[in-house]
Amino acid sequence: MYLLLLGLVLAVGLGQRLPEFALLDPQGKLVTPATMKKPAVIVFWASWCAVCKAEFPGLHRVAEETRVPFYVISREPKDTKEVVLAYMKAYPLFIPLLASDKDKPPEVANRFKVLGQPWTFVVDAEGKVVALFAGRAGREALLDALLLAGAELP
């Protein structure tokens, strides 16, 4: 519990804008806070994280149901673009895993002040954080956060 509270104090906080970053999606499209023009979910993970792997099917279902953009960013320095692409091939997901362009994903995690994984941010169309989950994010909590972010859910 203490770690959770500490994380909530240190992480990019509620109501704050996303820090700057520039990463590539699997199709090579640049993703930055400026390109995220609608509510979205950003999840920090690591390829070795068992909790992250267990969480992905649930995130995948919410992403498919809502059509809200989900972005997954590794905070592990060893998760190179090649590792990320191999992971996506082994575990096909609807959710894009972002790889580095000018920024390395661990540096992006540092800008977000992420202390662990999974670490999930829900942002509104203006790039402001409306919800933060340290650890596994539940389906209902994610849906509530997306509504708070202004997402139009089916």
N, C-alpha and C. Protein backbone atom coordinates (compact mmCIF):
# COMPACT_ATOMS: atom_id res chain seq x y z
N MET A 1 0.82 -1.19 0.00
CA MET A 1 0.00 0.00 0.00
C MET A 1 0.87 1.26 0.00
N TYR A 2 1.95 1.25 0.80
CA TYR A 2 2.83 2.41 0.85
C TYR A 2 3.43 2.69 -0.52
N LEU A 3 3.86 1.62 -1.23
CA LEU A 3 4.45 1.81 -2.55
C LEU A 3 3.42 2.42 -3.49
N LEU A 4 2.20 1.96 -3.42
CA LEU A 4 1.14 2.51 -4.26
C LEU A 4 0.96 4.00 -3.99
N LEU A 5 0.87 4.38 -2.73
CA LEU A 5 0.70 5.79 -2.38
C LEU A 5 1.91 6.61 -2.79
N LEU A 6 3.11 6.07 -2.58
CA LEU A 6 4.33 6.75 -2.99
C LEU A 6 4.32 6.95 -4.50
N GLY A 7 3.93 5.92 -5.23
CA GLY A 7 3.88 6.01 -6.68
C GLY A 7 2.90 7.05 -7.15
N LEU A 8 1.77 7.14 -6.50
CA LEU A 8 0.77 8.13 -6.90
C LEU A 8 1.27 9.55 -6.64
N VAL A 9 2.10 9.72 -5.64
CA VAL A 9 2.66 11.03 -5.34
C VAL A 9 3.74 11.40 -6.36
N LEU A 10 4.57 10.43 -6.74
CA LEU A 10 5.72 10.73 -7.59
C LEU A 10 5.41 10.72 -9.08
N ALA A 11 4.42 9.94 -9.51
CA ALA A 11 4.13 9.81 -10.94
C ALA A 11 3.52 11.09 -11.48
N VAL A 12 3.50 11.19 -12.83
CA VAL A 12 2.76 12.28 -13.45
C VAL A 12 1.36 12.21 -12.87
N GLY A 13 0.87 13.31 -12.33
CA GLY A 13 -0.35 13.28 -11.54
C GLY A 13 -1.62 13.57 -12.30
N LEU A 14 -2.72 13.36 -11.61
CA LEU A 14 -4.03 13.64 -12.17
C LEU A 14 -4.13 15.12 -12.54
N GLY A 15 -4.68 15.37 -13.70
CA GLY A 15 -4.84 16.74 -14.17
C GLY A 15 -3.62 17.30 -14.87
N GLN A 16 -2.49 16.60 -14.79
CA GLN A 16 -1.28 17.07 -15.46
C GLN A 16 -1.27 16.61 -16.91
N ARG A 17 -0.59 17.39 -17.74
CA ARG A 17 -0.43 17.01 -19.14
C ARG A 17 0.66 15.95 -19.27
N LEU A 18 0.54 15.17 -20.34
CA LEU A 18 1.55 14.15 -20.61
C LEU A 18 2.90 14.81 -20.87
N PRO A 19 3.98 14.20 -20.43
CA PRO A 19 5.30 14.71 -20.79
C PRO A 19 5.56 14.44 -22.27
N GLU A 20 6.45 15.18 -22.85
CA GLU A 20 6.78 14.99 -24.27
C GLU A 20 7.48 13.65 -24.49
N PHE A 21 7.13 13.00 -25.60
CA PHE A 21 7.81 11.78 -26.04
C PHE A 21 7.53 11.61 -27.52
N ALA A 22 8.33 10.77 -28.18
CA ALA A 22 8.15 10.46 -29.59
C ALA A 22 8.53 8.99 -29.79
N LEU A 23 7.53 8.16 -30.08
CA LEU A 23 7.75 6.74 -30.29
C LEU A 23 7.05 6.29 -31.56
N LEU A 24 7.43 5.14 -32.08
CA LEU A 24 6.84 4.61 -33.30
C LEU A 24 5.90 3.46 -33.00
N ASP A 25 4.74 3.43 -33.70
CA ASP A 25 3.86 2.28 -33.59
C ASP A 25 4.38 1.19 -34.54
N PRO A 26 3.77 0.00 -34.55
CA PRO A 26 4.29 -1.09 -35.38
C PRO A 26 4.31 -0.79 -36.88
N GLN A 27 3.47 0.14 -37.34
CA GLN A 27 3.47 0.53 -38.75
C GLN A 27 4.46 1.65 -39.05
N GLY A 28 5.21 2.09 -38.05
CA GLY A 28 6.19 3.14 -38.25
C GLY A 28 5.62 4.54 -38.10
N LYS A 29 4.38 4.66 -37.67
CA LYS A 29 3.74 5.97 -37.48
C LYS A 29 4.21 6.57 -36.15
N LEU A 30 4.57 7.84 -36.19
CA LEU A 30 5.05 8.54 -35.01
C LEU A 30 3.89 8.81 -34.04
N VAL A 31 4.10 8.49 -32.77
CA VAL A 31 3.12 8.76 -31.72
C VAL A 31 3.75 9.72 -30.73
N THR A 32 3.09 10.87 -30.54
CA THR A 32 3.52 11.88 -29.58
C THR A 32 2.26 12.35 -28.84
N PRO A 33 2.41 13.08 -27.75
CA PRO A 33 1.20 13.62 -27.11
C PRO A 33 0.35 14.45 -28.08
N ALA A 34 0.99 15.16 -29.00
CA ALA A 34 0.26 16.00 -29.96
C ALA A 34 -0.55 15.17 -30.96
N THR A 35 -0.11 13.94 -31.25
CA THR A 35 -0.85 13.10 -32.21
C THR A 35 -2.00 12.35 -31.55
N MET A 36 -2.05 12.37 -30.23
CA MET A 36 -3.11 11.68 -29.49
C MET A 36 -4.25 12.68 -29.27
N LYS A 37 -5.15 12.77 -30.22
CA LYS A 37 -6.17 13.82 -30.20
C LYS A 37 -7.50 13.39 -29.61
N LYS A 38 -7.51 12.21 -28.97
CA LYS A 38 -8.73 11.76 -28.30
C LYS A 38 -8.35 10.96 -27.07
N PRO A 39 -9.32 10.66 -26.22
CA PRO A 39 -8.98 9.89 -25.02
C PRO A 39 -8.20 8.63 -25.38
N ALA A 40 -7.25 8.28 -24.52
CA ALA A 40 -6.38 7.13 -24.80
C ALA A 40 -5.90 6.52 -23.49
N VAL A 41 -5.34 5.33 -23.61
CA VAL A 41 -4.76 4.61 -22.48
C VAL A 41 -3.30 4.33 -22.81
N ILE A 42 -2.42 4.65 -21.88
CA ILE A 42 -0.99 4.38 -22.03
C ILE A 42 -0.58 3.43 -20.92
N VAL A 43 -0.01 2.29 -21.31
CA VAL A 43 0.40 1.27 -20.35
C VAL A 43 1.91 1.07 -20.44
N PHE A 44 2.59 1.18 -19.31
CA PHE A 44 4.02 0.86 -19.25
C PHE A 44 4.16 -0.58 -18.78
N TRP A 45 5.03 -1.34 -19.42
CA TRP A 45 5.20 -2.76 -19.16
C TRP A 45 6.67 -3.14 -19.32
N ALA A 46 6.95 -4.42 -19.17
CA ALA A 46 8.26 -5.00 -19.48
C ALA A 46 8.00 -6.40 -20.03
N SER A 47 8.79 -6.83 -20.99
CA SER A 47 8.55 -8.12 -21.65
C SER A 47 8.66 -9.29 -20.68
N TRP A 48 9.40 -9.13 -19.60
CA TRP A 48 9.58 -10.22 -18.62
C TRP A 48 8.52 -10.19 -17.52
N CYS A 49 7.66 -9.21 -17.50
CA CYS A 49 6.69 -8.99 -16.41
C CYS A 49 5.49 -9.93 -16.53
N ALA A 50 5.37 -10.87 -15.59
CA ALA A 50 4.27 -11.84 -15.61
C ALA A 50 2.91 -11.16 -15.42
N VAL A 51 2.84 -10.16 -14.56
CA VAL A 51 1.58 -9.44 -14.34
C VAL A 51 1.16 -8.72 -15.62
N CYS A 52 2.14 -8.14 -16.33
CA CYS A 52 1.84 -7.45 -17.59
C CYS A 52 1.25 -8.42 -18.61
N LYS A 53 1.89 -9.59 -18.74
CA LYS A 53 1.40 -10.60 -19.69
C LYS A 53 -0.01 -11.04 -19.32
N ALA A 54 -0.26 -11.21 -18.03
CA ALA A 54 -1.59 -11.63 -17.58
C ALA A 54 -2.63 -10.54 -17.82
N GLU A 55 -2.21 -9.28 -17.77
CA GLU A 55 -3.14 -8.16 -17.94
C GLU A 55 -3.50 -7.92 -19.41
N PHE A 56 -2.61 -8.27 -20.34
CA PHE A 56 -2.83 -7.94 -21.75
C PHE A 56 -4.14 -8.45 -22.34
N PRO A 57 -4.58 -9.69 -22.08
CA PRO A 57 -5.86 -10.11 -22.67
C PRO A 57 -7.03 -9.22 -22.25
N GLY A 58 -7.07 -8.79 -20.99
CA GLY A 58 -8.13 -7.89 -20.53
C GLY A 58 -8.04 -6.53 -21.19
N LEU A 59 -6.83 -5.99 -21.29
CA LEU A 59 -6.64 -4.71 -21.97
C LEU A 59 -7.06 -4.83 -23.43
N HIS A 60 -6.68 -5.93 -24.05
CA HIS A 60 -7.01 -6.20 -25.44
C HIS A 60 -8.54 -6.17 -25.63
N ARG A 61 -9.28 -6.83 -24.74
CA ARG A 61 -10.74 -6.86 -24.84
C ARG A 61 -11.34 -5.46 -24.69
N VAL A 62 -10.85 -4.69 -23.72
CA VAL A 62 -11.37 -3.33 -23.53
C VAL A 62 -11.05 -2.47 -24.76
N ALA A 63 -9.86 -2.61 -25.32
CA ALA A 63 -9.49 -1.85 -26.52
C ALA A 63 -10.39 -2.22 -27.69
N GLU A 64 -10.65 -3.50 -27.86
CA GLU A 64 -11.53 -3.94 -28.95
C GLU A 64 -12.96 -3.45 -28.76
N GLU A 65 -13.46 -3.56 -27.54
CA GLU A 65 -14.84 -3.15 -27.24
C GLU A 65 -15.05 -1.65 -27.42
N THR A 66 -14.09 -0.87 -26.98
CA THR A 66 -14.27 0.58 -26.93
C THR A 66 -13.72 1.32 -28.14
N ARG A 67 -12.76 0.71 -28.82
CA ARG A 67 -12.04 1.36 -29.94
C ARG A 67 -11.29 2.61 -29.49
N VAL A 68 -11.02 2.71 -28.22
CA VAL A 68 -10.19 3.78 -27.68
C VAL A 68 -8.74 3.40 -27.93
N PRO A 69 -7.90 4.34 -28.37
CA PRO A 69 -6.49 4.01 -28.59
C PRO A 69 -5.79 3.59 -27.29
N PHE A 70 -5.11 2.47 -27.36
CA PHE A 70 -4.25 1.98 -26.27
C PHE A 70 -2.83 1.98 -26.80
N TYR A 71 -1.89 2.43 -25.99
CA TYR A 71 -0.48 2.43 -26.36
C TYR A 71 0.30 1.76 -25.23
N VAL A 72 1.16 0.83 -25.59
CA VAL A 72 1.95 0.11 -24.61
C VAL A 72 3.41 0.46 -24.83
N ILE A 73 4.08 0.90 -23.76
CA ILE A 73 5.47 1.35 -23.83
C ILE A 73 6.28 0.55 -22.82
N SER A 74 7.39 -0.02 -23.28
CA SER A 74 8.25 -0.77 -22.35
C SER A 74 9.07 0.19 -21.51
N ARG A 75 9.31 -0.20 -20.27
CA ARG A 75 10.22 0.58 -19.42
C ARG A 75 11.52 -0.19 -19.20
N GLU A 76 11.71 -1.26 -19.97
CA GLU A 76 12.88 -2.12 -19.84
C GLU A 76 13.90 -1.77 -20.93
N PRO A 77 15.12 -1.38 -20.57
CA PRO A 77 16.13 -1.03 -21.58
C PRO A 77 16.41 -2.15 -22.58
N LYS A 78 16.25 -3.41 -22.18
CA LYS A 78 16.53 -4.53 -23.08
C LYS A 78 15.41 -4.78 -24.09
N ASP A 79 14.28 -4.12 -23.93
CA ASP A 79 13.16 -4.28 -24.86
C ASP A 79 13.37 -3.37 -26.07
N THR A 80 14.27 -3.79 -26.94
CA THR A 80 14.56 -3.03 -28.16
C THR A 80 13.38 -3.16 -29.14
N LYS A 81 13.46 -2.42 -30.22
CA LYS A 81 12.41 -2.50 -31.24
C LYS A 81 12.25 -3.95 -31.73
N GLU A 82 13.36 -4.65 -31.91
CA GLU A 82 13.32 -6.03 -32.37
C GLU A 82 12.62 -6.93 -31.35
N VAL A 83 12.92 -6.73 -30.07
CA VAL A 83 12.29 -7.52 -29.00
C VAL A 83 10.79 -7.25 -28.98
N VAL A 84 10.41 -5.98 -29.11
CA VAL A 84 8.99 -5.61 -29.10
C VAL A 84 8.26 -6.25 -30.28
N LEU A 85 8.85 -6.19 -31.48
CA LEU A 85 8.21 -6.77 -32.66
C LEU A 85 8.10 -8.29 -32.53
N ALA A 86 9.13 -8.94 -31.98
CA ALA A 86 9.08 -10.39 -31.77
C ALA A 86 7.99 -10.74 -30.76
N TYR A 87 7.85 -9.92 -29.72
CA TYR A 87 6.81 -10.14 -28.71
C TYR A 87 5.43 -10.04 -29.35
N MET A 88 5.24 -9.03 -30.20
CA MET A 88 3.94 -8.84 -30.86
C MET A 88 3.62 -10.01 -31.77
N LYS A 89 4.65 -10.58 -32.40
CA LYS A 89 4.43 -11.73 -33.28
C LYS A 89 4.04 -12.96 -32.46
N ALA A 90 4.69 -13.14 -31.31
CA ALA A 90 4.41 -14.29 -30.45
C ALA A 90 3.06 -14.16 -29.75
N TYR A 91 2.68 -12.93 -29.40
CA TYR A 91 1.43 -12.67 -28.69
C TYR A 91 0.64 -11.62 -29.46
N PRO A 92 -0.06 -12.03 -30.54
CA PRO A 92 -0.78 -11.05 -31.35
C PRO A 92 -1.81 -10.28 -30.50
N LEU A 93 -1.70 -8.97 -30.56
CA LEU A 93 -2.57 -8.10 -29.78
C LEU A 93 -3.15 -7.00 -30.66
N PHE A 94 -4.31 -6.53 -30.28
CA PHE A 94 -4.94 -5.39 -30.93
C PHE A 94 -4.23 -4.10 -30.52
N ILE A 95 -3.56 -4.15 -29.38
CA ILE A 95 -2.93 -2.98 -28.80
C ILE A 95 -1.52 -2.82 -29.35
N PRO A 96 -1.17 -1.65 -29.91
CA PRO A 96 0.19 -1.49 -30.43
C PRO A 96 1.21 -1.31 -29.32
N LEU A 97 2.32 -2.00 -29.46
CA LEU A 97 3.46 -1.80 -28.58
C LEU A 97 4.36 -0.79 -29.27
N LEU A 98 4.68 0.30 -28.59
CA LEU A 98 5.47 1.37 -29.20
C LEU A 98 6.95 1.11 -29.02
N ALA A 99 7.70 1.40 -30.06
CA ALA A 99 9.15 1.24 -30.03
C ALA A 99 9.80 2.61 -30.17
N SER A 100 11.10 2.64 -29.99
CA SER A 100 11.78 3.93 -29.95
C SER A 100 11.94 4.56 -31.32
N ASP A 101 11.87 5.86 -31.33
CA ASP A 101 12.24 6.68 -32.48
C ASP A 101 13.40 7.52 -31.98
N LYS A 102 13.16 8.77 -31.65
CA LYS A 102 14.25 9.57 -31.09
C LYS A 102 14.38 9.33 -29.59
N ASP A 103 13.28 8.95 -28.94
CA ASP A 103 13.29 8.67 -27.51
C ASP A 103 13.36 7.17 -27.29
N LYS A 104 14.10 6.74 -26.31
CA LYS A 104 14.11 5.34 -25.93
C LYS A 104 12.98 5.13 -24.92
N PRO A 105 12.20 4.04 -25.06
CA PRO A 105 11.07 3.83 -24.15
C PRO A 105 11.40 3.96 -22.67
N PRO A 106 12.55 3.43 -22.16
CA PRO A 106 12.82 3.63 -20.73
C PRO A 106 12.94 5.10 -20.34
N GLU A 107 13.45 5.93 -21.27
CA GLU A 107 13.54 7.36 -20.99
C GLU A 107 12.14 7.98 -20.89
N VAL A 108 11.22 7.47 -21.73
CA VAL A 108 9.83 7.95 -21.66
C VAL A 108 9.23 7.57 -20.32
N ALA A 109 9.46 6.34 -19.87
CA ALA A 109 8.96 5.91 -18.56
C ALA A 109 9.51 6.80 -17.46
N ASN A 110 10.77 7.20 -17.57
CA ASN A 110 11.36 8.10 -16.58
C ASN A 110 10.67 9.46 -16.58
N ARG A 111 10.30 9.96 -17.76
CA ARG A 111 9.60 11.25 -17.84
C ARG A 111 8.23 11.17 -17.19
N PHE A 112 7.60 10.00 -17.29
CA PHE A 112 6.30 9.79 -16.64
C PHE A 112 6.46 9.48 -15.16
N LYS A 113 7.71 9.29 -14.72
CA LYS A 113 8.04 8.94 -13.33
C LYS A 113 7.39 7.62 -12.92
N VAL A 114 7.42 6.67 -13.85
CA VAL A 114 6.87 5.34 -13.61
C VAL A 114 7.83 4.57 -12.71
N LEU A 115 7.28 3.95 -11.66
CA LEU A 115 8.10 3.23 -10.69
C LEU A 115 8.01 1.72 -10.83
N GLY A 116 7.08 1.22 -11.60
CA GLY A 116 6.90 -0.22 -11.73
C GLY A 116 6.13 -0.54 -12.99
N GLN A 117 5.73 -1.78 -13.09
CA GLN A 117 4.93 -2.20 -14.22
C GLN A 117 3.99 -3.31 -13.78
N PRO A 118 2.82 -3.38 -14.37
CA PRO A 118 2.25 -2.40 -15.29
C PRO A 118 1.88 -1.10 -14.57
N TRP A 119 1.91 -0.04 -15.32
CA TRP A 119 1.61 1.31 -14.81
C TRP A 119 0.78 1.97 -15.91
N THR A 120 -0.46 2.29 -15.63
CA THR A 120 -1.40 2.70 -16.67
C THR A 120 -1.92 4.11 -16.43
N PHE A 121 -1.91 4.90 -17.51
CA PHE A 121 -2.45 6.26 -17.50
C PHE A 121 -3.64 6.31 -18.45
N VAL A 122 -4.73 6.95 -18.04
CA VAL A 122 -5.85 7.24 -18.93
C VAL A 122 -5.85 8.74 -19.10
N VAL A 123 -5.85 9.18 -20.38
CA VAL A 123 -5.76 10.62 -20.67
C VAL A 123 -6.96 11.06 -21.50
N ASP A 124 -7.30 12.34 -21.37
CA ASP A 124 -8.40 12.90 -22.16
C ASP A 124 -7.86 13.41 -23.50
N ALA A 125 -8.73 14.01 -24.30
CA ALA A 125 -8.36 14.48 -25.63
C ALA A 125 -7.32 15.60 -25.60
N GLU A 126 -7.19 16.27 -24.48
CA GLU A 126 -6.20 17.35 -24.34
C GLU A 126 -4.87 16.85 -23.79
N GLY A 127 -4.76 15.54 -23.57
CA GLY A 127 -3.52 14.97 -23.05
C GLY A 127 -3.35 15.12 -21.56
N LYS A 128 -4.45 15.36 -20.84
CA LYS A 128 -4.38 15.45 -19.37
C LYS A 128 -4.71 14.10 -18.75
N VAL A 129 -3.97 13.75 -17.72
CA VAL A 129 -4.17 12.48 -17.02
C VAL A 129 -5.45 12.57 -16.18
N VAL A 130 -6.38 11.64 -16.43
CA VAL A 130 -7.62 11.61 -15.64
C VAL A 130 -7.65 10.42 -14.69
N ALA A 131 -6.79 9.42 -14.94
CA ALA A 131 -6.72 8.26 -14.05
C ALA A 131 -5.35 7.62 -14.15
N LEU A 132 -4.92 7.02 -13.05
CA LEU A 132 -3.61 6.37 -12.97
C LEU A 132 -3.78 5.08 -12.19
N PHE A 133 -3.26 4.00 -12.75
CA PHE A 133 -3.31 2.69 -12.10
C PHE A 133 -1.89 2.18 -11.91
N ALA A 134 -1.48 2.01 -10.67
CA ALA A 134 -0.18 1.41 -10.35
C ALA A 134 -0.44 -0.06 -10.10
N GLY A 135 -0.01 -0.91 -11.03
CA GLY A 135 -0.34 -2.33 -10.96
C GLY A 135 -1.44 -2.62 -11.97
N ARG A 136 -2.01 -3.78 -11.85
CA ARG A 136 -3.02 -4.24 -12.80
C ARG A 136 -4.28 -3.37 -12.75
N ALA A 137 -4.75 -2.96 -13.93
CA ALA A 137 -5.96 -2.15 -14.03
C ALA A 137 -7.14 -3.06 -14.35
N GLY A 138 -8.19 -2.99 -13.55
CA GLY A 138 -9.38 -3.80 -13.79
C GLY A 138 -10.25 -3.23 -14.89
N ARG A 139 -11.05 -4.09 -15.51
CA ARG A 139 -11.90 -3.70 -16.63
C ARG A 139 -12.86 -2.57 -16.25
N GLU A 140 -13.62 -2.75 -15.18
CA GLU A 140 -14.61 -1.74 -14.79
C GLU A 140 -13.96 -0.41 -14.45
N ALA A 141 -12.83 -0.46 -13.76
CA ALA A 141 -12.12 0.78 -13.41
C ALA A 141 -11.63 1.48 -14.68
N LEU A 142 -11.14 0.72 -15.65
CA LEU A 142 -10.70 1.31 -16.92
C LEU A 142 -11.88 1.95 -17.65
N LEU A 143 -13.00 1.25 -17.71
CA LEU A 143 -14.17 1.81 -18.39
C LEU A 143 -14.65 3.09 -17.71
N ASP A 144 -14.67 3.10 -16.38
CA ASP A 144 -15.05 4.31 -15.65
C ASP A 144 -14.09 5.46 -15.96
N ALA A 145 -12.79 5.15 -15.99
CA ALA A 145 -11.78 6.17 -16.28
C ALA A 145 -11.93 6.70 -17.71
N LEU A 146 -12.26 5.82 -18.65
CA LEU A 146 -12.45 6.26 -20.04
C LEU A 146 -13.66 7.18 -20.16
N LEU A 147 -14.71 6.88 -19.43
CA LEU A 147 -15.87 7.79 -19.41
C LEU A 147 -15.48 9.14 -18.83
N LEU A 148 -14.70 9.13 -17.77
CA LEU A 148 -14.21 10.36 -17.15
C LEU A 148 -13.35 11.16 -18.14
N ALA A 149 -12.63 10.45 -19.01
CA ALA A 149 -11.77 11.09 -20.01
C ALA A 149 -12.57 11.64 -21.19
N GLY A 150 -13.86 11.34 -21.23
CA GLY A 150 -14.69 11.84 -22.32
C GLY A 150 -14.81 10.89 -23.49
N ALA A 151 -14.38 9.65 -23.32
CA ALA A 151 -14.48 8.67 -24.41
C ALA A 151 -15.95 8.32 -24.64
N GLU A 152 -16.30 8.17 -25.91
CA GLU A 152 -17.65 7.73 -26.26
C GLU A 152 -17.61 6.22 -26.36
N LEU A 153 -18.22 5.56 -25.38
CA LEU A 153 -18.18 4.11 -25.34
C LEU A 153 -19.46 3.54 -25.94
N PRO A 154 -19.35 2.38 -26.59
CA PRO A 154 -20.55 1.76 -27.18
C PRO A 154 -21.53 1.30 -26.12
